[in-house]
mmCIF file of all heavy atoms, coordinates in Angstrom:
data_MODEL
# 
_entry.id   MODEL 
# 
loop_
_atom_site.group_PDB 
_atom_site.id 
_atom_site.type_symbol 
_atom_site.label_atom_id 
_atom_site.label_alt_id 
_atom_site.label_comp_id 
_atom_site.label_asym_id 
_atom_site.label_entity_id 
_atom_site.label_seq_id 
_atom_site.pdbx_PDB_ins_code 
_atom_site.Cartn_x 
_atom_site.Cartn_y 
_atom_site.Cartn_z 
_atom_site.occupancy 
_atom_site.B_iso_or_equiv 
_atom_site.pdbx_formal_charge 
_atom_site.auth_seq_id 
_atom_site.auth_comp_id 
_atom_site.auth_asym_id 
_atom_site.auth_atom_id 
_atom_site.pdbx_PDB_model_num 
ATOM 1   N N   . PHE A 1 1  ? 0.801  -1.213 0.000   1.00 0.00 ? 1  PHE A N   1 
ATOM 2   C CA  . PHE A 1 1  ? 0.000  0.000  0.000   1.00 0.00 ? 1  PHE A CA  1 
ATOM 3   C C   . PHE A 1 1  ? 0.838  1.270  0.000   1.00 0.00 ? 1  PHE A C   1 
ATOM 4   O O   . PHE A 1 1  ? 0.324  2.358  0.027   1.00 0.00 ? 1  PHE A O   1 
ATOM 5   C CB  . PHE A 1 1  ? -0.921 0.009  1.229   1.00 0.00 ? 1  PHE A CB  1 
ATOM 6   C CG  . PHE A 1 1  ? -1.864 -1.144 1.262   1.00 0.00 ? 1  PHE A CG  1 
ATOM 7   C CD1 . PHE A 1 1  ? -1.548 -2.287 1.972   1.00 0.00 ? 1  PHE A CD1 1 
ATOM 8   C CD2 . PHE A 1 1  ? -3.052 -1.104 0.573   1.00 0.00 ? 1  PHE A CD2 1 
ATOM 9   C CE1 . PHE A 1 1  ? -2.405 -3.366 2.010   1.00 0.00 ? 1  PHE A CE1 1 
ATOM 10  C CE2 . PHE A 1 1  ? -3.929 -2.178 0.608   1.00 0.00 ? 1  PHE A CE2 1 
ATOM 11  C CZ  . PHE A 1 1  ? -3.604 -3.308 1.326   1.00 0.00 ? 1  PHE A CZ  1 
ATOM 12  N N   . ARG A 1 2  ? 2.173  1.127  -0.080  1.00 0.00 ? 2  ARG A N   1 
ATOM 13  C CA  . ARG A 1 2  ? 3.048  2.268  0.127   1.00 0.00 ? 2  ARG A CA  1 
ATOM 14  C C   . ARG A 1 2  ? 2.991  3.283  -1.007  1.00 0.00 ? 2  ARG A C   1 
ATOM 15  O O   . ARG A 1 2  ? 2.941  4.476  -0.778  1.00 0.00 ? 2  ARG A O   1 
ATOM 16  C CB  . ARG A 1 2  ? 4.484  1.762  0.304   1.00 0.00 ? 2  ARG A CB  1 
ATOM 17  C CG  . ARG A 1 2  ? 5.484  2.844  0.604   1.00 0.00 ? 2  ARG A CG  1 
ATOM 18  C CD  . ARG A 1 2  ? 6.821  2.249  0.979   1.00 0.00 ? 2  ARG A CD  1 
ATOM 19  N NE  . ARG A 1 2  ? 6.678  1.272  2.042   1.00 0.00 ? 2  ARG A NE  1 
ATOM 20  C CZ  . ARG A 1 2  ? 7.617  1.014  2.922   1.00 0.00 ? 2  ARG A CZ  1 
ATOM 21  N NH1 . ARG A 1 2  ? 8.750  1.649  2.868   1.00 0.00 ? 2  ARG A NH1 1 
ATOM 22  N NH2 . ARG A 1 2  ? 7.442  0.113  3.855   1.00 0.00 ? 2  ARG A NH2 1 
ATOM 23  N N   . ALA A 1 3  ? 2.927  2.834  -2.259  1.00 0.00 ? 3  ALA A N   1 
ATOM 24  C CA  . ALA A 1 3  ? 3.079  3.749  -3.387  1.00 0.00 ? 3  ALA A CA  1 
ATOM 25  C C   . ALA A 1 3  ? 1.985  4.814  -3.424  1.00 0.00 ? 3  ALA A C   1 
ATOM 26  O O   . ALA A 1 3  ? 2.235  5.961  -3.742  1.00 0.00 ? 3  ALA A O   1 
ATOM 27  C CB  . ALA A 1 3  ? 3.082  2.964  -4.695  1.00 0.00 ? 3  ALA A CB  1 
ATOM 28  N N   . SER A 1 4  ? 0.737  4.450  -3.082  1.00 0.00 ? 4  SER A N   1 
ATOM 29  C CA  . SER A 1 4  ? -0.350 5.414  -3.187  1.00 0.00 ? 4  SER A CA  1 
ATOM 30  C C   . SER A 1 4  ? -0.192 6.562  -2.203  1.00 0.00 ? 4  SER A C   1 
ATOM 31  O O   . SER A 1 4  ? -0.749 7.630  -2.397  1.00 0.00 ? 4  SER A O   1 
ATOM 32  C CB  . SER A 1 4  ? -1.686 4.706  -2.934  1.00 0.00 ? 4  SER A CB  1 
ATOM 33  O OG  . SER A 1 4  ? -1.703 4.173  -1.632  1.00 0.00 ? 4  SER A OG  1 
ATOM 34  N N   . TYR A 1 5  ? 0.558  6.357  -1.119  1.00 0.00 ? 5  TYR A N   1 
ATOM 35  C CA  . TYR A 1 5  ? 0.779  7.431  -0.165  1.00 0.00 ? 5  TYR A CA  1 
ATOM 36  C C   . TYR A 1 5  ? 2.014  8.259  -0.521  1.00 0.00 ? 5  TYR A C   1 
ATOM 37  O O   . TYR A 1 5  ? 2.024  9.467  -0.370  1.00 0.00 ? 5  TYR A O   1 
ATOM 38  C CB  . TYR A 1 5  ? 0.957  6.857  1.245   1.00 0.00 ? 5  TYR A CB  1 
ATOM 39  C CG  . TYR A 1 5  ? -0.288 6.242  1.811   1.00 0.00 ? 5  TYR A CG  1 
ATOM 40  C CD1 . TYR A 1 5  ? -0.503 4.874  1.702   1.00 0.00 ? 5  TYR A CD1 1 
ATOM 41  C CD2 . TYR A 1 5  ? -1.236 7.022  2.445   1.00 0.00 ? 5  TYR A CD2 1 
ATOM 42  C CE1 . TYR A 1 5  ? -1.644 4.293  2.235   1.00 0.00 ? 5  TYR A CE1 1 
ATOM 43  C CE2 . TYR A 1 5  ? -2.380 6.443  2.980   1.00 0.00 ? 5  TYR A CE2 1 
ATOM 44  C CZ  . TYR A 1 5  ? -2.582 5.083  2.868   1.00 0.00 ? 5  TYR A CZ  1 
ATOM 45  O OH  . TYR A 1 5  ? -3.703 4.525  3.390   1.00 0.00 ? 5  TYR A OH  1 
ATOM 46  N N   . GLU A 1 6  ? 3.056  7.608  -0.990  1.00 0.00 ? 6  GLU A N   1 
ATOM 47  C CA  . GLU A 1 6  ? 4.317  8.308  -1.190  1.00 0.00 ? 6  GLU A CA  1 
ATOM 48  C C   . GLU A 1 6  ? 4.271  9.305  -2.334  1.00 0.00 ? 6  GLU A C   1 
ATOM 49  O O   . GLU A 1 6  ? 5.033  10.234 -2.366  1.00 0.00 ? 6  GLU A O   1 
ATOM 50  C CB  . GLU A 1 6  ? 5.437  7.287  -1.424  1.00 0.00 ? 6  GLU A CB  1 
ATOM 51  C CG  . GLU A 1 6  ? 5.822  6.552  -0.148  1.00 0.00 ? 6  GLU A CG  1 
ATOM 52  C CD  . GLU A 1 6  ? 7.085  5.771  -0.308  1.00 0.00 ? 6  GLU A CD  1 
ATOM 53  O OE1 . GLU A 1 6  ? 7.442  5.485  -1.466  1.00 0.00 ? 6  GLU A OE1 1 
ATOM 54  O OE2 . GLU A 1 6  ? 7.707  5.424  0.698   1.00 0.00 ? 6  GLU A OE2 1 
ATOM 55  N N   . ARG A 1 7  ? 3.341  9.135  -3.274  1.00 0.00 ? 7  ARG A N   1 
ATOM 56  C CA  . ARG A 1 7  ? 3.266  10.079 -4.379  1.00 0.00 ? 7  ARG A CA  1 
ATOM 57  C C   . ARG A 1 7  ? 2.977  11.491 -3.873  1.00 0.00 ? 7  ARG A C   1 
ATOM 58  O O   . ARG A 1 7  ? 3.463  12.468 -4.404  1.00 0.00 ? 7  ARG A O   1 
ATOM 59  C CB  . ARG A 1 7  ? 2.185  9.636  -5.368  1.00 0.00 ? 7  ARG A CB  1 
ATOM 60  C CG  . ARG A 1 7  ? 2.631  8.538  -6.303  1.00 0.00 ? 7  ARG A CG  1 
ATOM 61  C CD  . ARG A 1 7  ? 1.676  8.443  -7.472  1.00 0.00 ? 7  ARG A CD  1 
ATOM 62  N NE  . ARG A 1 7  ? 0.351  8.044  -7.023  1.00 0.00 ? 7  ARG A NE  1 
ATOM 63  C CZ  . ARG A 1 7  ? -0.063 6.791  -6.950  1.00 0.00 ? 7  ARG A CZ  1 
ATOM 64  N NH1 . ARG A 1 7  ? 0.745  5.807  -7.283  1.00 0.00 ? 7  ARG A NH1 1 
ATOM 65  N NH2 . ARG A 1 7  ? -1.271 6.495  -6.543  1.00 0.00 ? 7  ARG A NH2 1 
ATOM 66  N N   . ASP A 1 8  ? 2.153  11.589 -2.832  1.00 0.00 ? 8  ASP A N   1 
ATOM 67  C CA  . ASP A 1 8  ? 1.794  12.906 -2.309  1.00 0.00 ? 8  ASP A CA  1 
ATOM 68  C C   . ASP A 1 8  ? 2.896  13.514 -1.461  1.00 0.00 ? 8  ASP A C   1 
ATOM 69  O O   . ASP A 1 8  ? 2.902  14.714 -1.215  1.00 0.00 ? 8  ASP A O   1 
ATOM 70  C CB  . ASP A 1 8  ? 0.519  12.794 -1.464  1.00 0.00 ? 8  ASP A CB  1 
ATOM 71  C CG  . ASP A 1 8  ? -0.660 12.360 -2.301  1.00 0.00 ? 8  ASP A CG  1 
ATOM 72  O OD1 . ASP A 1 8  ? -0.657 12.643 -3.513  1.00 0.00 ? 8  ASP A OD1 1 
ATOM 73  O OD2 . ASP A 1 8  ? -1.572 11.733 -1.731  1.00 0.00 ? 8  ASP A OD2 1 
ATOM 74  N N   . GLU A 1 9  ? 3.824  12.681 -0.964  1.00 0.00 ? 9  GLU A N   1 
ATOM 75  C CA  . GLU A 1 9  ? 4.830  13.179 -0.045  1.00 0.00 ? 9  GLU A CA  1 
ATOM 76  C C   . GLU A 1 9  ? 6.163  13.501 -0.720  1.00 0.00 ? 9  GLU A C   1 
ATOM 77  O O   . GLU A 1 9  ? 7.052  14.062 -0.110  1.00 0.00 ? 9  GLU A O   1 
ATOM 78  C CB  . GLU A 1 9  ? 5.075  12.127 1.053   1.00 0.00 ? 9  GLU A CB  1 
ATOM 79  C CG  . GLU A 1 9  ? 3.849  11.881 1.910   1.00 0.00 ? 9  GLU A CG  1 
ATOM 80  C CD  . GLU A 1 9  ? 4.092  10.807 2.944   1.00 0.00 ? 9  GLU A CD  1 
ATOM 81  O OE1 . GLU A 1 9  ? 5.201  10.258 2.948   1.00 0.00 ? 9  GLU A OE1 1 
ATOM 82  O OE2 . GLU A 1 9  ? 3.193  10.526 3.729   1.00 0.00 ? 9  GLU A OE2 1 
ATOM 83  N N   . GLN A 1 10 ? 6.281  13.145 -1.983  1.00 0.00 ? 10 GLN A N   1 
ATOM 84  C CA  . GLN A 1 10 ? 7.543  13.392 -2.663  1.00 0.00 ? 10 GLN A CA  1 
ATOM 85  C C   . GLN A 1 10 ? 7.728  14.879 -2.914  1.00 0.00 ? 10 GLN A C   1 
ATOM 86  O O   . GLN A 1 10 ? 6.803  15.593 -3.276  1.00 0.00 ? 10 GLN A O   1 
ATOM 87  C CB  . GLN A 1 10 ? 7.572  12.639 -3.994  1.00 0.00 ? 10 GLN A CB  1 
ATOM 88  C CG  . GLN A 1 10 ? 7.727  11.126 -3.817  1.00 0.00 ? 10 GLN A CG  1 
ATOM 89  C CD  . GLN A 1 10 ? 7.660  10.414 -5.147  1.00 0.00 ? 10 GLN A CD  1 
ATOM 90  O OE1 . GLN A 1 10 ? 7.243  11.005 -6.131  1.00 0.00 ? 10 GLN A OE1 1 
ATOM 91  N NE2 . GLN A 1 10 ? 8.082  9.178  -5.175  1.00 0.00 ? 10 GLN A NE2 1 
ATOM 92  N N   . ALA A 1 11 ? 8.929  15.352 -2.721  1.00 0.00 ? 11 ALA A N   1 
ATOM 93  C CA  . ALA A 1 11 ? 9.243  16.759 -3.006  1.00 0.00 ? 11 ALA A CA  1 
ATOM 94  C C   . ALA A 1 11 ? 9.317  16.972 -4.504  1.00 0.00 ? 11 ALA A C   1 
ATOM 95  O O   . ALA A 1 11 ? 9.705  16.086 -5.249  1.00 0.00 ? 11 ALA A O   1 
ATOM 96  C CB  . ALA A 1 11 ? 10.584 17.129 -2.359  1.00 0.00 ? 11 ALA A CB  1 
ATOM 97  N N   . PRO A 1 12 ? 8.928  18.162 -4.987  1.00 0.00 ? 12 PRO A N   1 
ATOM 98  C CA  . PRO A 1 12 ? 9.010  18.410 -6.425  1.00 0.00 ? 12 PRO A CA  1 
ATOM 99  C C   . PRO A 1 12 ? 10.448 18.354 -6.905  1.00 0.00 ? 12 PRO A C   1 
ATOM 100 O O   . PRO A 1 12 ? 11.366 18.777 -6.223  1.00 0.00 ? 12 PRO A O   1 
ATOM 101 C CB  . PRO A 1 12 ? 8.421  19.824 -6.569  1.00 0.00 ? 12 PRO A CB  1 
ATOM 102 C CG  . PRO A 1 12 ? 8.562  20.438 -5.212  1.00 0.00 ? 12 PRO A CG  1 
ATOM 103 C CD  . PRO A 1 12 ? 8.432  19.319 -4.221  1.00 0.00 ? 12 PRO A CD  1 
ATOM 104 N N   . GLN A 1 13 ? 10.621 17.795 -8.077  1.00 0.00 ? 13 GLN A N   1 
ATOM 105 C CA  . GLN A 1 13 ? 11.950 17.662 -8.655  1.00 0.00 ? 13 GLN A CA  1 
ATOM 106 C C   . GLN A 1 13 ? 12.400 18.987 -9.257  1.00 0.00 ? 13 GLN A C   1 
ATOM 107 O O   . GLN A 1 13 ? 11.591 19.748 -9.795  1.00 0.00 ? 13 GLN A O   1 
ATOM 108 C CB  . GLN A 1 13 ? 11.945 16.579 -9.749  1.00 0.00 ? 13 GLN A CB  1 
ATOM 109 C CG  . GLN A 1 13 ? 11.569 15.204 -9.204  1.00 0.00 ? 13 GLN A CG  1 
ATOM 110 C CD  . GLN A 1 13 ? 12.572 14.708 -8.198  1.00 0.00 ? 13 GLN A CD  1 
ATOM 111 O OE1 . GLN A 1 13 ? 13.772 14.927 -8.368  1.00 0.00 ? 13 GLN A OE1 1 
ATOM 112 N NE2 . GLN A 1 13 ? 12.098 14.074 -7.142  1.00 0.00 ? 13 GLN A NE2 1 
ATOM 113 N N   . PRO A 1 14 ? 13.688 19.326 -9.173  1.00 0.00 ? 14 PRO A N   1 
ATOM 114 C CA  . PRO A 1 14 ? 14.155 20.579 -9.779  1.00 0.00 ? 14 PRO A CA  1 
ATOM 115 C C   . PRO A 1 14 ? 14.003 20.533 -11.284 1.00 0.00 ? 14 PRO A C   1 
ATOM 116 O O   . PRO A 1 14 ? 14.074 19.480 -11.904 1.00 0.00 ? 14 PRO A O   1 
ATOM 117 C CB  . PRO A 1 14 ? 15.640 20.620 -9.366  1.00 0.00 ? 14 PRO A CB  1 
ATOM 118 C CG  . PRO A 1 14 ? 16.012 19.208 -9.065  1.00 0.00 ? 14 PRO A CG  1 
ATOM 119 C CD  . PRO A 1 14 ? 14.775 18.560 -8.528  1.00 0.00 ? 14 PRO A CD  1 
ATOM 120 N N   . ASP A 1 15 ? 13.774 21.743 -11.837 1.00 0.00 ? 15 ASP A N   1 
ATOM 121 C CA  . ASP A 1 15 ? 13.617 21.825 -13.286 1.00 0.00 ? 15 ASP A CA  1 
ATOM 122 C C   . ASP A 1 15 ? 14.902 21.414 -13.980 1.00 0.00 ? 15 ASP A C   1 
ATOM 123 O O   . ASP A 1 15 ? 16.006 21.721 -13.527 1.00 0.00 ? 15 ASP A O   1 
ATOM 124 C CB  . ASP A 1 15 ? 13.254 23.257 -13.703 1.00 0.00 ? 15 ASP A CB  1 
ATOM 125 C CG  . ASP A 1 15 ? 11.900 23.658 -13.154 1.00 0.00 ? 15 ASP A CG  1 
ATOM 126 O OD1 . ASP A 1 15 ? 11.069 22.757 -12.945 1.00 0.00 ? 15 ASP A OD1 1 
ATOM 127 O OD2 . ASP A 1 15 ? 11.685 24.864 -12.928 1.00 0.00 ? 15 ASP A OD2 1 
ATOM 128 N N   . ALA A 1 16 ? 14.758 20.741 -15.097 1.00 0.00 ? 16 ALA A N   1 
ATOM 129 C CA  . ALA A 1 16 ? 15.924 20.338 -15.874 1.00 0.00 ? 16 ALA A CA  1 
ATOM 130 C C   . ALA A 1 16 ? 16.555 21.573 -16.513 1.00 0.00 ? 16 ALA A C   1 
ATOM 131 O O   . ALA A 1 16 ? 15.850 22.512 -16.895 1.00 0.00 ? 16 ALA A O   1 
ATOM 132 C CB  . ALA A 1 16 ? 15.506 19.338 -16.949 1.00 0.00 ? 16 ALA A CB  1 
ATOM 133 N N   . PRO A 1 17 ? 17.887 21.627 -16.620 1.00 0.00 ? 17 PRO A N   1 
ATOM 134 C CA  . PRO A 1 17 ? 18.516 22.796 -17.236 1.00 0.00 ? 17 PRO A CA  1 
ATOM 135 C C   . PRO A 1 17 ? 18.132 22.907 -18.699 1.00 0.00 ? 17 PRO A C   1 
ATOM 136 O O   . PRO A 1 17 ? 17.928 21.910 -19.382 1.00 0.00 ? 17 PRO A O   1 
ATOM 137 C CB  . PRO A 1 17 ? 20.021 22.496 -17.068 1.00 0.00 ? 17 PRO A CB  1 
ATOM 138 C CG  . PRO A 1 17 ? 20.101 21.019 -16.890 1.00 0.00 ? 17 PRO A CG  1 
ATOM 139 C CD  . PRO A 1 17 ? 18.856 20.612 -16.187 1.00 0.00 ? 17 PRO A CD  1 
ATOM 140 N N   . ALA A 1 18 ? 18.042 24.158 -19.157 1.00 0.00 ? 18 ALA A N   1 
ATOM 141 C CA  . ALA A 1 18 ? 17.680 24.382 -20.554 1.00 0.00 ? 18 ALA A CA  1 
ATOM 142 C C   . ALA A 1 18 ? 18.800 23.885 -21.463 1.00 0.00 ? 18 ALA A C   1 
ATOM 143 O O   . ALA A 1 18 ? 19.974 23.989 -21.133 1.00 0.00 ? 18 ALA A O   1 
ATOM 144 C CB  . ALA A 1 18 ? 17.444 25.879 -20.785 1.00 0.00 ? 18 ALA A CB  1 
ATOM 145 N N   . PRO A 1 19 ? 18.447 23.299 -22.609 1.00 0.00 ? 19 PRO A N   1 
ATOM 146 C CA  . PRO A 1 19 ? 19.483 22.793 -23.507 1.00 0.00 ? 19 PRO A CA  1 
ATOM 147 C C   . PRO A 1 19 ? 20.339 23.931 -24.056 1.00 0.00 ? 19 PRO A C   1 
ATOM 148 O O   . PRO A 1 19 ? 19.874 25.054 -24.245 1.00 0.00 ? 19 PRO A O   1 
ATOM 149 C CB  . PRO A 1 19 ? 18.677 22.114 -24.618 1.00 0.00 ? 19 PRO A CB  1 
ATOM 150 C CG  . PRO A 1 19 ? 17.326 22.755 -24.570 1.00 0.00 ? 19 PRO A CG  1 
ATOM 151 C CD  . PRO A 1 19 ? 17.096 23.101 -23.139 1.00 0.00 ? 19 PRO A CD  1 
ATOM 152 N N   . ALA A 1 20 ? 21.619 23.660 -24.253 1.00 0.00 ? 20 ALA A N   1 
ATOM 153 C CA  . ALA A 1 20 ? 22.531 24.684 -24.778 1.00 0.00 ? 20 ALA A CA  1 
ATOM 154 C C   . ALA A 1 20 ? 22.115 25.082 -26.186 1.00 0.00 ? 20 ALA A C   1 
ATOM 155 O O   . ALA A 1 20 ? 21.689 24.253 -26.979 1.00 0.00 ? 20 ALA A O   1 
ATOM 156 C CB  . ALA A 1 20 ? 23.959 24.137 -24.784 1.00 0.00 ? 20 ALA A CB  1 
ATOM 157 N N   . ARG A 1 21 ? 22.260 26.380 -26.474 1.00 0.00 ? 21 ARG A N   1 
ATOM 158 C CA  . ARG A 1 21 ? 21.882 26.889 -27.795 1.00 0.00 ? 21 ARG A CA  1 
ATOM 159 C C   . ARG A 1 21 ? 22.933 26.493 -28.813 1.00 0.00 ? 21 ARG A C   1 
ATOM 160 O O   . ARG A 1 21 ? 24.123 26.596 -28.569 1.00 0.00 ? 21 ARG A O   1 
ATOM 161 C CB  . ARG A 1 21 ? 21.741 28.407 -27.725 1.00 0.00 ? 21 ARG A CB  1 
ATOM 162 C CG  . ARG A 1 21 ? 21.312 29.024 -29.037 1.00 0.00 ? 21 ARG A CG  1 
ATOM 163 C CD  . ARG A 1 21 ? 21.150 30.520 -28.885 1.00 0.00 ? 21 ARG A CD  1 
ATOM 164 N NE  . ARG A 1 21 ? 20.793 31.135 -30.151 1.00 0.00 ? 21 ARG A NE  1 
ATOM 165 C CZ  . ARG A 1 21 ? 20.613 32.431 -30.336 1.00 0.00 ? 21 ARG A CZ  1 
ATOM 166 N NH1 . ARG A 1 21 ? 20.756 33.242 -29.286 1.00 0.00 ? 21 ARG A NH1 1 
ATOM 167 N NH2 . ARG A 1 21 ? 20.287 32.917 -31.520 1.00 0.00 ? 21 ARG A NH2 1 
ATOM 168 N N   . ARG A 1 22 ? 22.485 26.032 -29.949 1.00 0.00 ? 22 ARG A N   1 
ATOM 169 C CA  . ARG A 1 22 ? 23.407 25.638 -31.020 1.00 0.00 ? 22 ARG A CA  1 
ATOM 170 C C   . ARG A 1 22 ? 23.265 26.595 -32.186 1.00 0.00 ? 22 ARG A C   1 
ATOM 171 O O   . ARG A 1 22 ? 22.165 26.970 -32.574 1.00 0.00 ? 22 ARG A O   1 
ATOM 172 C CB  . ARG A 1 22 ? 23.099 24.212 -31.486 1.00 0.00 ? 22 ARG A CB  1 
ATOM 173 C CG  . ARG A 1 22 ? 23.294 23.164 -30.393 1.00 0.00 ? 22 ARG A CG  1 
ATOM 174 C CD  . ARG A 1 22 ? 22.969 21.786 -30.904 1.00 0.00 ? 22 ARG A CD  1 
ATOM 175 N NE  . ARG A 1 22 ? 23.813 21.443 -32.036 1.00 0.00 ? 22 ARG A NE  1 
ATOM 176 C CZ  . ARG A 1 22 ? 23.670 20.308 -32.738 1.00 0.00 ? 22 ARG A CZ  1 
ATOM 177 N NH1 . ARG A 1 22 ? 22.722 19.466 -32.428 1.00 0.00 ? 22 ARG A NH1 1 
ATOM 178 N NH2 . ARG A 1 22 ? 24.480 20.070 -33.746 1.00 0.00 ? 22 ARG A NH2 1 
ATOM 179 N N   . GLU A 1 23 ? 24.418 26.970 -32.710 1.00 0.00 ? 23 GLU A N   1 
ATOM 180 C CA  . GLU A 1 23 ? 24.408 27.848 -33.889 1.00 0.00 ? 23 GLU A CA  1 
ATOM 181 C C   . GLU A 1 23 ? 23.989 27.036 -35.106 1.00 0.00 ? 23 GLU A C   1 
ATOM 182 O O   . GLU A 1 23 ? 24.364 25.871 -35.266 1.00 0.00 ? 23 GLU A O   1 
ATOM 183 C CB  . GLU A 1 23 ? 25.804 28.445 -34.120 1.00 0.00 ? 23 GLU A CB  1 
ATOM 184 C CG  . GLU A 1 23 ? 26.261 29.365 -33.006 1.00 0.00 ? 23 GLU A CG  1 
ATOM 185 C CD  . GLU A 1 23 ? 25.390 30.593 -32.914 1.00 0.00 ? 23 GLU A CD  1 
ATOM 186 O OE1 . GLU A 1 23 ? 24.836 31.009 -33.952 1.00 0.00 ? 23 GLU A OE1 1 
ATOM 187 O OE2 . GLU A 1 23 ? 25.250 31.121 -31.799 1.00 0.00 ? 23 GLU A OE2 1 
ATOM 188 N N   . PRO A 1 24 ? 23.197 27.631 -35.989 1.00 0.00 ? 24 PRO A N   1 
ATOM 189 C CA  . PRO A 1 24 ? 22.793 26.898 -37.203 1.00 0.00 ? 24 PRO A CA  1 
ATOM 190 C C   . PRO A 1 24 ? 24.002 26.589 -38.068 1.00 0.00 ? 24 PRO A C   1 
ATOM 191 O O   . PRO A 1 24 ? 24.912 27.408 -38.226 1.00 0.00 ? 24 PRO A O   1 
ATOM 192 C CB  . PRO A 1 24 ? 21.817 27.857 -37.888 1.00 0.00 ? 24 PRO A CB  1 
ATOM 193 C CG  . PRO A 1 24 ? 22.163 29.212 -37.347 1.00 0.00 ? 24 PRO A CG  1 
ATOM 194 C CD  . PRO A 1 24 ? 22.643 29.002 -35.948 1.00 0.00 ? 24 PRO A CD  1 
ATOM 195 N N   . GLU A 1 25 ? 24.019 25.386 -38.623 1.00 0.00 ? 25 GLU A N   1 
ATOM 196 C CA  . GLU A 1 25 ? 25.115 24.970 -39.496 1.00 0.00 ? 25 GLU A CA  1 
ATOM 197 C C   . GLU A 1 25 ? 24.858 25.499 -40.899 1.00 0.00 ? 25 GLU A C   1 
ATOM 198 O O   . GLU A 1 25 ? 23.709 25.626 -41.327 1.00 0.00 ? 25 GLU A O   1 
ATOM 199 C CB  . GLU A 1 25 ? 25.211 23.455 -39.517 1.00 0.00 ? 25 GLU A CB  1 
ATOM 200 C CG  . GLU A 1 25 ? 25.547 22.873 -38.143 1.00 0.00 ? 25 GLU A CG  1 
ATOM 201 C CD  . GLU A 1 25 ? 25.639 21.369 -38.218 1.00 0.00 ? 25 GLU A CD  1 
ATOM 202 O OE1 . GLU A 1 25 ? 25.425 20.840 -39.325 1.00 0.00 ? 25 GLU A OE1 1 
ATOM 203 O OE2 . GLU A 1 25 ? 25.900 20.745 -37.181 1.00 0.00 ? 25 GLU A OE2 1 
ATOM 204 N N   . PRO A 1 26 ? 25.946 25.834 -41.607 1.00 0.00 ? 26 PRO A N   1 
ATOM 205 C CA  . PRO A 1 26 ? 25.745 26.320 -42.989 1.00 0.00 ? 26 PRO A CA  1 
ATOM 206 C C   . PRO A 1 26 ? 25.127 25.239 -43.856 1.00 0.00 ? 26 PRO A C   1 
ATOM 207 O O   . PRO A 1 26 ? 25.409 24.055 -43.688 1.00 0.00 ? 26 PRO A O   1 
ATOM 208 C CB  . PRO A 1 26 ? 27.167 26.666 -43.445 1.00 0.00 ? 26 PRO A CB  1 
ATOM 209 C CG  . PRO A 1 26 ? 28.054 25.858 -42.543 1.00 0.00 ? 26 PRO A CG  1 
ATOM 210 C CD  . PRO A 1 26 ? 27.362 25.779 -41.235 1.00 0.00 ? 26 PRO A CD  1 
ATOM 211 N N   . ALA A 1 27 ? 24.241 25.657 -44.764 1.00 0.00 ? 27 ALA A N   1 
ATOM 212 C CA  . ALA A 1 27 ? 23.574 24.695 -45.635 1.00 0.00 ? 27 ALA A CA  1 
ATOM 213 C C   . ALA A 1 27 ? 24.596 24.072 -46.574 1.00 0.00 ? 27 ALA A C   1 
ATOM 214 O O   . ALA A 1 27 ? 25.462 24.767 -47.120 1.00 0.00 ? 27 ALA A O   1 
ATOM 215 C CB  . ALA A 1 27 ? 22.484 25.409 -46.446 1.00 0.00 ? 27 ALA A CB  1 
# 
């Protein structure tokens, strides 16, 4: 019966870092 309770008690996870910006490659 543990899982149904622990979902409410878990702390929110930190946001994932934004992906690094990539310069467009020449065509």
